[in-house]
């Protein structure tokens, strides 16, 4: 089974070019990877913002004093 279209490797490899699978997909896969990475950061930012807003609602002066005294 060949992933690059060559059934016989008895050729000059200098003339073959790229010999790895999925050749030609470098740019689309890079774009997909960058979009996934940016999307993950957006999801993470929103999740952490909700968590911090929830913690901010539950804060009290007495709790802050205890936290400061503890450290």
Protein backbone atom coordinates (compact mmCIF):
# COMPACT_ATOMS: atom_id res chain seq x y z
CA UNK A 1 0.00 0.00 0.00
CA UNK A 2 1.37 3.38 -0.94
CA UNK A 3 0.23 6.69 0.51
CA UNK A 4 2.08 8.81 -2.03
CA UNK A 5 1.34 6.96 -5.24
CA UNK A 6 4.61 5.02 -5.67
CA UNK A 7 4.40 1.26 -5.92
CA UNK A 8 8.08 0.77 -6.77
CA UNK A 9 10.85 2.52 -4.81
CA UNK A 10 13.55 1.64 -7.33
CA UNK A 11 13.80 5.26 -8.49
CA UNK A 12 16.14 8.17 -7.82
CA UNK A 13 14.76 9.72 -4.61
CA UNK A 14 16.09 13.14 -5.61
CA UNK A 15 13.39 13.20 -8.29
CA UNK A 16 10.62 11.91 -6.04
CA UNK A 17 10.07 14.97 -3.82
CA UNK A 18 8.11 14.66 -0.59
CA UNK A 19 7.75 11.07 0.68
CA UNK A 20 5.51 11.59 3.70
CA UNK A 21 1.77 10.93 3.94
CA UNK A 22 -0.85 13.64 3.34
CA UNK A 23 1.50 15.80 1.31
CA UNK A 24 -0.08 19.02 0.16
CA UNK A 25 -2.15 19.34 3.36
CA UNK A 26 0.41 21.38 5.29
CA UNK A 27 -1.29 24.77 4.92
CA UNK A 28 -4.88 23.57 5.55
CA UNK A 29 -3.78 21.55 8.60
CA UNK A 30 -1.85 24.57 9.94
CA UNK A 31 -4.91 26.77 9.51
CA UNK A 32 -7.10 24.17 11.25
CA UNK A 33 -4.56 23.90 14.07
CA UNK A 34 -4.40 27.67 14.59
CA UNK A 35 -8.21 27.96 14.54
CA UNK A 36 -8.48 25.12 17.07
CA UNK A 37 -5.85 26.78 19.28
CA UNK A 38 -7.60 30.17 19.16
CA UNK A 39 -10.99 28.54 19.77
CA UNK A 40 -9.63 26.72 22.80
CA UNK A 41 -8.38 30.02 24.22
CA UNK A 42 -11.80 31.64 23.72
CA UNK A 43 -13.57 28.75 25.46
CA UNK A 44 -11.03 28.77 28.29
CA UNK A 45 -11.33 32.56 28.73
CA UNK A 46 -15.12 32.40 28.93
CA UNK A 47 -15.03 29.49 31.37
CA UNK A 48 -12.55 31.20 33.66
CA UNK A 49 -14.47 34.49 33.48
CA UNK A 50 -17.65 32.70 34.63
CA UNK A 51 -15.72 31.03 37.44
CA UNK A 52 -14.23 34.34 38.61
CA UNK A 53 -17.61 36.09 38.43
CA UNK A 54 -19.11 33.32 40.58
CA UNK A 55 -16.29 33.66 43.10
CA UNK A 56 -16.74 37.45 43.13
CA UNK A 57 -20.43 37.08 43.99
CA UNK A 58 -19.62 34.85 46.96
CA UNK A 59 -16.95 37.10 48.47
CA UNK A 60 -17.41 38.70 51.89
CA UNK A 61 -15.28 41.05 53.99
CA UNK A 62 -14.96 38.44 56.71
CA UNK A 63 -13.84 35.78 54.25
CA UNK A 64 -11.22 38.13 52.82
CA UNK A 65 -9.84 38.88 56.30
CA UNK A 66 -9.59 35.16 57.07
CA UNK A 67 -7.82 34.49 53.78
CA UNK A 68 -5.32 37.31 54.39
CA UNK A 69 -4.65 36.21 57.97
CA UNK A 70 -4.17 32.61 56.83
CA UNK A 71 -1.23 33.65 54.63
